[in-house]
Amino acid sequence: MTPKELHKWYLEATSRLNFGSFNQNAQKPYEELTVEQKFIDEYISNKIKAKVKETIWKLVDKITKYNLRNWSGASHNQREIWKGMINMWIKEIDELEKELGL
C-alpha cells in the first residue's frame, strides 16, 4: 500500500462526492501533488501499514501461545504438524508484508 495507491483511492472516493466536499487542489495525479499534499498520503499510508503489521503479529502471537499451551500434551506428529503450519504462516506473513510494503 503505497502513498500513490492511497491517493488513487482518494480520487476514486471523491469522484462520488458533491463538488466542494473535498480538497479541489488534490484532484490531480499523485506525481503532480505538492510535497505537503504527498505528505498526507504518505502519513496515512504509513499509519495503515503499521496497524496492519501490528495486527498480523498479534495474531501470530496468539497462535504461538495457543500452540505452546498445548505443546506438552501433543504427540510428536502433532508437534510436527504445528511446526509446519507455523512455518507456512510465517512465510505467508513475510509475503504479505512484502506485498504491502511493510
N, C-alpha and C. Protein backbone atom coordinates (compact mmCIF):
# COMPACT_ATOMS: atom_id res chain seq x y z
N MET A 1 0.84 -1.16 0.00
CA MET A 1 0.00 0.00 0.00
C MET A 1 0.89 1.23 0.00
N THR A 2 0.98 1.84 -1.14
CA THR A 2 1.85 3.00 -1.28
C THR A 2 1.04 4.29 -1.16
N PRO A 3 1.71 5.39 -0.90
CA PRO A 3 1.00 6.68 -0.89
C PRO A 3 0.31 6.95 -2.23
N LYS A 4 0.94 6.51 -3.32
CA LYS A 4 0.35 6.71 -4.65
C LYS A 4 -0.97 5.94 -4.76
N GLU A 5 -1.00 4.69 -4.26
CA GLU A 5 -2.24 3.91 -4.28
C GLU A 5 -3.31 4.58 -3.41
N LEU A 6 -2.89 5.07 -2.27
CA LEU A 6 -3.82 5.74 -1.37
C LEU A 6 -4.43 6.97 -2.04
N HIS A 7 -3.61 7.72 -2.74
CA HIS A 7 -4.13 8.90 -3.44
C HIS A 7 -5.10 8.50 -4.55
N LYS A 8 -4.79 7.40 -5.22
CA LYS A 8 -5.70 6.91 -6.27
C LYS A 8 -7.07 6.60 -5.66
N TRP A 9 -7.08 5.98 -4.49
CA TRP A 9 -8.34 5.67 -3.81
C TRP A 9 -9.05 6.96 -3.39
N TYR A 10 -8.27 7.94 -2.98
CA TYR A 10 -8.84 9.24 -2.63
C TYR A 10 -9.56 9.84 -3.84
N LEU A 11 -8.91 9.77 -5.00
CA LEU A 11 -9.53 10.31 -6.21
C LEU A 11 -10.79 9.54 -6.58
N GLU A 12 -10.74 8.21 -6.42
CA GLU A 12 -11.94 7.40 -6.69
C GLU A 12 -13.08 7.78 -5.75
N ALA A 13 -12.76 7.92 -4.47
CA ALA A 13 -13.80 8.25 -3.48
C ALA A 13 -14.38 9.63 -3.71
N THR A 14 -13.51 10.60 -3.98
CA THR A 14 -14.00 11.97 -4.14
C THR A 14 -14.76 12.16 -5.45
N SER A 15 -14.56 11.27 -6.41
CA SER A 15 -15.32 11.39 -7.68
C SER A 15 -16.81 11.15 -7.45
N ARG A 16 -17.14 10.56 -6.32
CA ARG A 16 -18.54 10.28 -6.00
C ARG A 16 -19.17 11.32 -5.07
N LEU A 17 -18.37 12.32 -4.69
CA LEU A 17 -18.87 13.34 -3.75
C LEU A 17 -19.31 14.60 -4.50
N ASN A 18 -20.09 15.39 -3.82
CA ASN A 18 -20.51 16.68 -4.36
C ASN A 18 -19.32 17.62 -4.42
N PHE A 19 -19.30 18.44 -5.44
CA PHE A 19 -18.25 19.44 -5.59
C PHE A 19 -18.19 20.30 -4.32
N GLY A 20 -17.00 20.55 -3.84
CA GLY A 20 -16.84 21.35 -2.63
C GLY A 20 -16.77 20.54 -1.35
N SER A 21 -16.98 19.23 -1.46
CA SER A 21 -16.93 18.35 -0.28
C SER A 21 -15.52 17.81 -0.03
N PHE A 22 -14.58 18.23 -0.84
CA PHE A 22 -13.22 17.71 -0.74
C PHE A 22 -12.25 18.78 -1.24
N ASN A 23 -10.97 18.52 -1.07
CA ASN A 23 -9.94 19.48 -1.46
C ASN A 23 -9.76 19.47 -2.98
N GLN A 24 -10.20 20.51 -3.62
CA GLN A 24 -10.09 20.61 -5.08
C GLN A 24 -8.63 20.62 -5.55
N ASN A 25 -7.74 21.13 -4.70
CA ASN A 25 -6.33 21.21 -5.07
C ASN A 25 -5.65 19.86 -5.14
N ALA A 26 -6.28 18.84 -4.59
CA ALA A 26 -5.69 17.49 -4.60
C ALA A 26 -6.29 16.62 -5.70
N GLN A 27 -7.09 17.22 -6.58
CA GLN A 27 -7.74 16.48 -7.65
C GLN A 27 -6.82 16.40 -8.87
N LYS A 28 -5.69 15.73 -8.70
CA LYS A 28 -4.72 15.58 -9.78
C LYS A 28 -3.89 14.33 -9.50
N PRO A 29 -3.16 13.85 -10.50
CA PRO A 29 -2.35 12.66 -10.28
C PRO A 29 -1.33 12.87 -9.15
N TYR A 30 -0.96 11.78 -8.51
CA TYR A 30 -0.05 11.83 -7.37
C TYR A 30 1.24 12.58 -7.72
N GLU A 31 1.76 12.34 -8.90
CA GLU A 31 3.04 12.96 -9.31
C GLU A 31 2.95 14.49 -9.35
N GLU A 32 1.75 15.02 -9.50
CA GLU A 32 1.58 16.48 -9.59
C GLU A 32 1.29 17.14 -8.24
N LEU A 33 1.17 16.36 -7.19
CA LEU A 33 0.90 16.92 -5.87
C LEU A 33 2.12 17.66 -5.34
N THR A 34 1.87 18.59 -4.45
CA THR A 34 2.98 19.28 -3.78
C THR A 34 3.57 18.34 -2.72
N VAL A 35 4.71 18.71 -2.19
CA VAL A 35 5.34 17.92 -1.13
C VAL A 35 4.40 17.80 0.07
N GLU A 36 3.74 18.90 0.40
CA GLU A 36 2.82 18.90 1.54
C GLU A 36 1.63 17.97 1.28
N GLN A 37 1.10 17.99 0.06
CA GLN A 37 -0.02 17.12 -0.28
C GLN A 37 0.40 15.64 -0.25
N LYS A 38 1.58 15.36 -0.76
CA LYS A 38 2.09 13.98 -0.74
C LYS A 38 2.30 13.50 0.70
N PHE A 39 2.70 14.43 1.57
CA PHE A 39 2.93 14.06 2.97
C PHE A 39 1.68 13.44 3.59
N ILE A 40 0.52 13.98 3.27
CA ILE A 40 -0.73 13.45 3.82
C ILE A 40 -0.91 11.99 3.43
N ASP A 41 -0.74 11.69 2.13
CA ASP A 41 -0.87 10.31 1.66
C ASP A 41 0.19 9.40 2.29
N GLU A 42 1.41 9.90 2.38
CA GLU A 42 2.50 9.12 2.99
C GLU A 42 2.22 8.83 4.46
N TYR A 43 1.76 9.84 5.17
CA TYR A 43 1.48 9.70 6.60
C TYR A 43 0.39 8.65 6.83
N ILE A 44 -0.71 8.78 6.11
CA ILE A 44 -1.82 7.83 6.28
C ILE A 44 -1.39 6.43 5.85
N SER A 45 -0.66 6.32 4.76
CA SER A 45 -0.18 5.03 4.29
C SER A 45 0.69 4.35 5.35
N ASN A 46 1.60 5.11 5.95
CA ASN A 46 2.47 4.54 6.99
C ASN A 46 1.67 4.12 8.22
N LYS A 47 0.65 4.89 8.60
CA LYS A 47 -0.19 4.52 9.74
C LYS A 47 -0.95 3.22 9.46
N ILE A 48 -1.49 3.09 8.26
CA ILE A 48 -2.22 1.87 7.89
C ILE A 48 -1.28 0.68 7.89
N LYS A 49 -0.11 0.83 7.30
CA LYS A 49 0.87 -0.26 7.27
C LYS A 49 1.26 -0.69 8.67
N ALA A 50 1.50 0.27 9.56
CA ALA A 50 1.88 -0.05 10.93
C ALA A 50 0.76 -0.82 11.64
N LYS A 51 -0.48 -0.41 11.43
CA LYS A 51 -1.62 -1.08 12.07
C LYS A 51 -1.79 -2.49 11.52
N VAL A 52 -1.63 -2.66 10.22
CA VAL A 52 -1.74 -3.99 9.62
C VAL A 52 -0.64 -4.90 10.18
N LYS A 53 0.58 -4.39 10.22
CA LYS A 53 1.71 -5.18 10.73
C LYS A 53 1.48 -5.55 12.20
N GLU A 54 1.02 -4.59 12.99
CA GLU A 54 0.73 -4.86 14.40
C GLU A 54 -0.34 -5.95 14.54
N THR A 55 -1.38 -5.88 13.73
CA THR A 55 -2.46 -6.85 13.78
C THR A 55 -1.97 -8.24 13.38
N ILE A 56 -1.16 -8.29 12.33
CA ILE A 56 -0.61 -9.58 11.89
C ILE A 56 0.19 -10.22 13.01
N TRP A 57 1.06 -9.46 13.65
CA TRP A 57 1.92 -10.04 14.67
C TRP A 57 1.17 -10.36 15.97
N LYS A 58 0.08 -9.66 16.24
CA LYS A 58 -0.77 -10.04 17.37
C LYS A 58 -1.40 -11.40 17.11
N LEU A 59 -1.81 -11.63 15.88
CA LEU A 59 -2.38 -12.92 15.51
C LEU A 59 -1.33 -14.02 15.62
N VAL A 60 -0.14 -13.75 15.14
CA VAL A 60 0.96 -14.73 15.25
C VAL A 60 1.22 -15.05 16.71
N ASP A 61 1.23 -14.03 17.56
CA ASP A 61 1.46 -14.23 18.99
C ASP A 61 0.38 -15.11 19.60
N LYS A 62 -0.89 -14.87 19.26
CA LYS A 62 -1.98 -15.68 19.78
C LYS A 62 -1.85 -17.13 19.34
N ILE A 63 -1.54 -17.34 18.08
CA ILE A 63 -1.38 -18.71 17.56
C ILE A 63 -0.23 -19.40 18.27
N THR A 64 0.87 -18.71 18.42
CA THR A 64 2.06 -19.28 19.08
C THR A 64 1.74 -19.64 20.53
N LYS A 65 1.09 -18.73 21.25
CA LYS A 65 0.75 -19.01 22.65
C LYS A 65 -0.21 -20.20 22.76
N TYR A 66 -1.15 -20.29 21.84
CA TYR A 66 -2.08 -21.43 21.85
C TYR A 66 -1.31 -22.73 21.66
N ASN A 67 -0.42 -22.74 20.69
CA ASN A 67 0.34 -23.96 20.42
C ASN A 67 1.26 -24.33 21.59
N LEU A 68 1.87 -23.33 22.22
CA LEU A 68 2.76 -23.61 23.35
C LEU A 68 1.99 -24.17 24.55
N ARG A 69 0.77 -23.67 24.78
CA ARG A 69 -0.05 -24.19 25.88
C ARG A 69 -0.38 -25.66 25.67
N ASN A 70 -0.53 -26.04 24.42
CA ASN A 70 -0.93 -27.41 24.12
C ASN A 70 0.23 -28.30 23.69
N TRP A 71 1.43 -27.73 23.66
CA TRP A 71 2.61 -28.43 23.16
C TRP A 71 2.94 -29.68 23.97
N SER A 72 2.97 -29.56 25.29
CA SER A 72 3.44 -30.67 26.13
C SER A 72 2.56 -31.90 26.03
N GLY A 73 1.26 -31.72 25.80
CA GLY A 73 0.37 -32.87 25.71
C GLY A 73 0.22 -33.41 24.30
N ALA A 74 0.89 -32.78 23.36
CA ALA A 74 0.73 -33.19 21.96
C ALA A 74 1.69 -34.31 21.59
N SER A 75 1.27 -35.11 20.65
CA SER A 75 2.12 -36.18 20.14
C SER A 75 3.22 -35.58 19.26
N HIS A 76 4.21 -36.39 18.98
CA HIS A 76 5.31 -35.93 18.11
C HIS A 76 4.75 -35.51 16.74
N ASN A 77 3.83 -36.31 16.21
CA ASN A 77 3.25 -35.98 14.91
C ASN A 77 2.50 -34.64 14.95
N GLN A 78 1.74 -34.41 16.03
CA GLN A 78 1.01 -33.15 16.15
C GLN A 78 1.97 -31.97 16.23
N ARG A 79 3.06 -32.14 16.95
CA ARG A 79 4.06 -31.07 17.05
C ARG A 79 4.66 -30.76 15.69
N GLU A 80 4.93 -31.80 14.91
CA GLU A 80 5.49 -31.61 13.57
C GLU A 80 4.49 -30.88 12.66
N ILE A 81 3.22 -31.22 12.80
CA ILE A 81 2.18 -30.54 12.03
C ILE A 81 2.15 -29.07 12.42
N TRP A 82 2.17 -28.77 13.72
CA TRP A 82 2.16 -27.38 14.18
C TRP A 82 3.38 -26.62 13.68
N LYS A 83 4.55 -27.26 13.75
CA LYS A 83 5.76 -26.60 13.26
C LYS A 83 5.60 -26.24 11.79
N GLY A 84 5.10 -27.18 11.01
CA GLY A 84 4.90 -26.93 9.59
C GLY A 84 3.92 -25.81 9.35
N MET A 85 2.83 -25.79 10.12
CA MET A 85 1.82 -24.73 9.96
C MET A 85 2.40 -23.37 10.34
N ILE A 86 3.13 -23.33 11.44
CA ILE A 86 3.73 -22.06 11.87
C ILE A 86 4.71 -21.55 10.82
N ASN A 87 5.55 -22.45 10.30
CA ASN A 87 6.50 -22.04 9.27
C ASN A 87 5.78 -21.54 8.01
N MET A 88 4.68 -22.21 7.66
CA MET A 88 3.89 -21.80 6.50
C MET A 88 3.31 -20.41 6.73
N TRP A 89 2.76 -20.17 7.94
CA TRP A 89 2.18 -18.86 8.26
C TRP A 89 3.23 -17.77 8.24
N ILE A 90 4.41 -18.08 8.75
CA ILE A 90 5.48 -17.08 8.76
C ILE A 90 5.87 -16.71 7.33
N LYS A 91 5.94 -17.70 6.45
CA LYS A 91 6.23 -17.41 5.04
C LYS A 91 5.13 -16.55 4.43
N GLU A 92 3.87 -16.88 4.74
CA GLU A 92 2.75 -16.09 4.21
C GLU A 92 2.80 -14.66 4.74
N ILE A 93 3.15 -14.51 6.01
CA ILE A 93 3.26 -13.18 6.60
C ILE A 93 4.38 -12.40 5.92
N ASP A 94 5.52 -13.06 5.70
CA ASP A 94 6.63 -12.39 5.01
C ASP A 94 6.19 -11.91 3.63
N GLU A 95 5.46 -12.77 2.90
CA GLU A 95 4.99 -12.41 1.56
C GLU A 95 4.00 -11.25 1.63
N LEU A 96 3.10 -11.30 2.61
CA LEU A 96 2.11 -10.23 2.78
C LEU A 96 2.79 -8.91 3.11
N GLU A 97 3.78 -8.96 3.99
CA GLU A 97 4.49 -7.74 4.34
C GLU A 97 5.21 -7.15 3.13
N LYS A 98 5.81 -8.01 2.30
CA LYS A 98 6.47 -7.52 1.09
C LYS A 98 5.44 -6.90 0.14
N GLU A 99 4.31 -7.59 -0.02
CA GLU A 99 3.25 -7.10 -0.91
C GLU A 99 2.72 -5.74 -0.46
N LEU A 100 2.58 -5.57 0.85
CA LEU A 100 2.05 -4.31 1.39
C LEU A 100 3.13 -3.26 1.60
N GLY A 101 4.38 -3.65 1.38
CA GLY A 101 5.47 -2.70 1.57
C GLY A 101 5.74 -2.41 3.03
N LEU A 102 5.51 -3.39 3.90
CA LEU A 102 5.69 -3.19 5.35
C LEU A 102 7.14 -3.34 5.74
